[in-house]
Amino acid sequence: MSDERETQATRVPPWGKVTVLEEGEHYRINRIEVKPGHHISTQMHYHRSEHWIVVSGTAKVICDGKTALLTPKQSTYVPIKTPHRVENPGVIPLVIIEVQNGEYLGDEDIIRFPEED
């Protein structure tokens, strides 16, 4: 018996869009779109890791104080308890697939850091 649930829930924050593609007991797969010139908040999680795969656009990833630019077909891993953020420095929407893995995937596990300029 499978615990997988098909989902197409979409939320639209000011920086873009997040669509839950699929989720199960210890994972969630999201399609994340970040508008040009925007970014998600700097955050970390105590109970989940994340793997980001760039589908289109350019991702500026800041993870544990290190910065990398990723282009389509490239990916990065965000370990548990690691501050991270993704930005779209380009002129077209950034689309990434995010795979979350962990014991708890709820929003209460999102620790947001104050924004830096």
Protein backbone atom coordinates (compact mmCIF):
# COMPACT_ATOMS: atom_id res chain seq x y z
CA MET A 1 0.00 0.00 0.00
CA SER A 2 1.48 3.33 -1.09
CA ASP A 3 1.36 6.54 0.92
CA GLU A 4 2.02 8.69 -2.17
CA ARG A 5 -0.45 11.46 -2.92
CA GLU A 6 -0.75 13.24 -6.24
CA THR A 7 -0.98 16.98 -5.73
CA GLN A 8 -1.11 20.08 -7.89
CA ALA A 9 -1.38 22.71 -5.14
CA THR A 10 0.12 26.04 -6.25
CA ARG A 11 1.06 28.98 -4.11
CA VAL A 12 2.05 32.37 -5.54
CA PRO A 13 4.41 34.37 -3.31
CA PRO A 14 5.62 37.81 -4.54
CA TRP A 15 8.86 36.31 -5.95
CA GLY A 16 7.27 33.63 -8.16
CA LYS A 17 5.32 30.39 -7.90
CA VAL A 18 5.56 26.99 -6.13
CA THR A 19 3.62 23.96 -7.35
CA VAL A 20 3.63 20.70 -5.40
CA LEU A 21 4.00 17.98 -8.03
CA GLU A 22 3.99 14.96 -5.72
CA GLU A 23 4.48 14.12 -2.07
CA GLY A 24 4.80 11.10 0.15
CA GLU A 25 5.53 10.38 3.79
CA HIS A 26 9.17 11.59 3.71
CA TYR A 27 9.48 13.49 0.42
CA ARG A 28 7.93 16.29 -1.61
CA ILE A 29 8.65 17.33 -5.20
CA ASN A 30 8.04 21.00 -6.07
CA ARG A 31 8.25 23.01 -9.28
CA ILE A 32 9.59 26.43 -8.28
CA GLU A 33 9.52 29.46 -10.56
CA VAL A 34 11.46 32.58 -9.54
CA LYS A 35 10.81 35.84 -11.39
CA PRO A 36 13.80 37.67 -12.94
CA GLY A 37 15.55 39.81 -10.32
CA HIS A 38 13.81 38.05 -7.39
CA HIS A 39 14.82 35.46 -4.76
CA ILE A 40 13.43 33.22 -2.06
CA SER A 41 14.17 34.13 1.56
CA THR A 42 17.42 32.96 3.14
CA GLN A 43 16.37 29.96 5.20
CA MET A 44 17.33 26.60 6.68
CA HIS A 45 15.60 23.45 7.87
CA TYR A 46 16.24 21.15 10.85
CA HIS A 47 14.35 18.14 9.47
CA ARG A 48 14.85 18.06 5.69
CA SER A 49 17.42 18.35 2.95
CA GLU A 50 16.74 19.64 -0.54
CA HIS A 51 18.05 18.88 -4.02
CA TRP A 52 17.52 21.54 -6.69
CA ILE A 53 17.67 20.82 -10.44
CA VAL A 54 17.63 23.79 -12.84
CA VAL A 55 15.15 23.32 -15.71
CA SER A 56 15.42 26.76 -17.33
CA GLY A 57 17.04 30.10 -16.58
CA THR A 58 20.04 30.78 -14.35
CA ALA A 59 20.12 30.13 -10.60
CA LYS A 60 22.40 31.99 -8.24
CA VAL A 61 22.58 29.63 -5.28
CA ILE A 62 23.95 30.73 -1.92
CA CYS A 63 24.44 27.69 0.30
CA ASP A 64 26.38 27.79 3.59
CA GLY A 65 27.98 31.09 2.54
CA LYS A 66 29.22 29.79 -0.83
CA THR A 67 27.82 31.15 -4.11
CA ALA A 68 27.40 29.19 -7.35
CA LEU A 69 25.72 29.89 -10.68
CA LEU A 70 23.74 26.98 -12.11
CA THR A 71 22.30 26.64 -15.60
CA PRO A 72 19.82 24.12 -17.06
CA LYS A 73 20.62 20.44 -16.33
CA GLN A 74 22.82 21.39 -13.36
CA SER A 75 21.87 20.67 -9.75
CA THR A 76 22.91 21.25 -6.17
CA TYR A 77 22.29 19.64 -2.80
CA VAL A 78 21.25 21.59 0.31
CA PRO A 79 22.03 19.60 3.49
CA ILE A 80 19.94 19.73 6.66
CA LYS A 81 20.76 22.70 8.96
CA THR A 82 22.41 24.69 6.14
CA PRO A 83 21.44 28.32 5.41
CA HIS A 84 20.48 28.66 1.74
CA ARG A 85 18.82 30.87 -0.83
CA VAL A 86 18.23 30.88 -4.58
CA GLU A 87 18.10 34.01 -6.73
CA ASN A 88 17.25 34.66 -10.36
CA PRO A 89 19.92 37.04 -11.74
CA GLY A 90 18.68 36.54 -15.31
CA VAL A 91 16.06 38.07 -17.57
CA ILE A 92 13.83 34.99 -18.02
CA PRO A 93 11.97 33.06 -15.29
CA LEU A 94 14.10 30.56 -13.36
CA VAL A 95 12.44 27.14 -13.11
CA ILE A 96 13.82 24.54 -10.73
CA ILE A 97 12.60 21.18 -9.52
CA GLU A 98 13.07 20.82 -5.77
CA VAL A 99 13.14 17.42 -4.11
CA GLN A 100 12.72 17.62 -0.33
CA ASN A 101 13.63 14.61 1.84
CA GLY A 102 13.21 14.34 5.58
CA GLU A 103 11.30 13.22 8.63
CA TYR A 104 9.19 16.40 8.66
CA LEU A 105 8.32 18.61 5.67
CA GLY A 106 5.91 21.14 7.23
CA ASP A 107 6.29 24.93 7.01
CA GLU A 108 7.11 25.06 10.74
CA ASP A 109 10.55 23.68 9.78
CA ILE A 110 11.37 26.80 7.74
CA ILE A 111 13.76 29.04 9.71
CA ARG A 112 13.98 32.39 7.87
CA PHE A 113 16.96 34.72 8.26
CA PRO A 114 16.81 38.54 8.02
CA GLU A 115 17.39 39.82 4.49
CA GLU A 116 20.85 41.16 3.64
CA ASP A 117 21.54 43.71 0.92
